[in-house]
Amino acid sequence: MLTEKGSFLYGVEVNGIWHKDFEMRLPTLEDVECALESAQAEAGAEVSPARISRYKWASCLIRLGDLDATAITPELLARLASTEYGVLSAVEESLLKKLAAASAQPAPSA
């Protein structure tokens, strides 16, 4: 599984503790489909791409500070400073580059 570690500029506060360091896995088609469905259920048919991304990233973050994956929700990510959107977007782009490099490798011969 492709993952990448990163750090938010500010993080998110939960119970008096600021969580900044995270690890994210590469989003799958299913992550995008579920994010779109959930975001539309919350906001209606004209949902913003940013909201869809927030739902997608909530399912792809496997760790945020001391929080495990089950504690990372779209509602929690909604509390991040707007600048953190760029941090998550950059990590997703980096994961896609890693996938492209890995998939370009020739298959091992039998």
Protein backbone atom coordinates (compact mmCIF):
# COMPACT_ATOMS: atom_id res chain seq x y z
CA MET A 1 0.00 0.00 0.00
CA LEU A 2 1.39 3.39 -1.01
CA THR A 3 1.41 5.88 1.84
CA GLU A 4 3.10 9.16 2.57
CA LYS A 5 3.75 11.02 5.80
CA GLY A 6 3.24 14.74 6.12
CA SER A 7 2.70 17.57 8.56
CA PHE A 8 0.07 20.25 8.67
CA LEU A 9 1.13 23.83 9.16
CA TYR A 10 -1.25 24.26 12.12
CA GLY A 11 -3.07 20.97 12.61
CA VAL A 12 -6.31 20.39 14.42
CA GLU A 13 -7.02 20.57 18.14
CA VAL A 14 -8.78 17.66 19.83
CA ASN A 15 -9.26 17.67 23.62
CA GLY A 16 -6.53 20.25 24.14
CA ILE A 17 -3.95 18.44 21.98
CA TRP A 18 -2.85 19.74 18.57
CA HIS A 19 -2.44 17.02 15.96
CA LYS A 20 -0.18 17.93 13.02
CA ASP A 21 1.67 14.86 11.74
CA PHE A 22 -0.27 12.51 9.50
CA GLU A 23 0.00 9.57 7.14
CA MET A 24 -2.18 9.20 4.09
CA ARG A 25 -2.72 6.35 1.65
CA LEU A 26 -3.48 6.70 -2.03
CA PRO A 27 -7.21 7.29 -2.68
CA THR A 28 -9.04 4.62 -4.64
CA LEU A 29 -12.00 4.92 -6.98
CA GLU A 30 -14.20 3.64 -4.17
CA ASP A 31 -12.93 6.42 -1.89
CA VAL A 32 -13.93 9.00 -4.52
CA GLU A 33 -17.35 7.40 -5.09
CA CYS A 34 -18.12 7.25 -1.37
CA ALA A 35 -16.87 10.80 -0.88
CA LEU A 36 -19.09 12.09 -3.66
CA GLU A 37 -22.14 10.25 -2.33
CA SER A 38 -21.56 11.39 1.25
CA ALA A 39 -20.84 14.99 0.29
CA GLN A 40 -23.95 15.13 -1.89
CA ALA A 41 -26.04 13.69 0.93
CA GLU A 42 -24.80 16.51 3.18
CA ALA A 43 -24.80 19.43 0.77
CA GLY A 44 -27.04 18.48 -2.15
CA ALA A 45 -26.39 17.95 -5.84
CA GLU A 46 -24.25 21.08 -6.27
CA VAL A 47 -21.49 19.98 -3.92
CA SER A 48 -18.13 21.73 -4.07
CA PRO A 49 -14.96 19.91 -5.13
CA ALA A 50 -13.36 20.98 -1.83
CA ARG A 51 -16.07 19.21 0.18
CA ILE A 52 -15.64 16.06 -1.92
CA SER A 53 -11.88 16.17 -1.32
CA ARG A 54 -12.43 16.55 2.43
CA TYR A 55 -14.59 13.43 2.50
CA LYS A 56 -12.07 11.55 0.35
CA TRP A 57 -9.11 12.54 2.51
CA ALA A 58 -10.95 11.61 5.70
CA SER A 59 -11.12 8.04 4.42
CA CYS A 60 -7.48 8.03 3.24
CA LEU A 61 -5.79 9.44 6.33
CA ILE A 62 -4.62 6.45 8.32
CA ARG A 63 -3.15 8.52 11.14
CA LEU A 64 -3.34 12.10 12.37
CA GLY A 65 -1.15 12.85 15.36
CA ASP A 66 -2.21 10.44 18.11
CA LEU A 67 -5.59 9.83 16.43
CA ASP A 68 -6.22 6.60 14.59
CA ALA A 69 -8.16 6.30 11.34
CA THR A 70 -11.56 5.85 13.02
CA ALA A 71 -11.28 9.27 14.69
CA ILE A 72 -10.53 11.06 11.41
CA THR A 73 -13.84 12.23 10.00
CA PRO A 74 -14.89 14.79 7.40
CA GLU A 75 -16.24 16.88 10.28
CA LEU A 76 -12.84 16.81 12.01
CA LEU A 77 -11.05 17.85 8.81
CA ALA A 78 -13.56 20.68 8.35
CA ARG A 79 -12.00 22.28 11.43
CA LEU A 80 -8.56 22.56 9.76
CA ALA A 81 -7.33 25.98 8.63
CA SER A 82 -8.00 26.52 4.93
CA THR A 83 -4.25 26.46 4.17
CA GLU A 84 -4.16 22.76 5.11
CA TYR A 85 -6.14 21.95 1.94
CA GLY A 86 -2.96 22.61 -0.05
CA VAL A 87 -0.94 20.32 2.24
CA LEU A 88 -3.31 17.39 1.67
CA SER A 89 -3.55 18.10 -2.05
CA ALA A 90 0.26 18.09 -2.38
CA VAL A 91 0.55 14.77 -0.54
CA GLU A 92 -2.10 13.21 -2.78
CA GLU A 93 -0.21 14.48 -5.86
CA SER A 94 3.04 13.02 -4.51
CA LEU A 95 1.34 9.65 -4.00
CA LEU A 96 0.12 9.72 -7.60
CA LYS A 97 3.69 10.35 -8.79
CA LYS A 98 4.89 7.37 -6.74
CA LEU A 99 2.17 5.23 -8.31
CA ALA A 100 3.14 6.38 -11.80
CA ALA A 101 6.79 5.51 -11.15
CA ALA A 102 5.91 2.11 -9.71
CA SER A 103 3.56 1.22 -12.55
CA ALA A 104 6.18 2.20 -15.16
CA GLN A 105 8.55 -0.49 -13.90
CA PRO A 106 8.69 -3.59 -16.12
CA ALA A 107 7.13 -6.72 -14.68
CA PRO A 108 9.66 -9.24 -13.32
CA SER A 109 10.29 -12.15 -15.66
CA ALA A 110 9.21 -15.58 -14.56
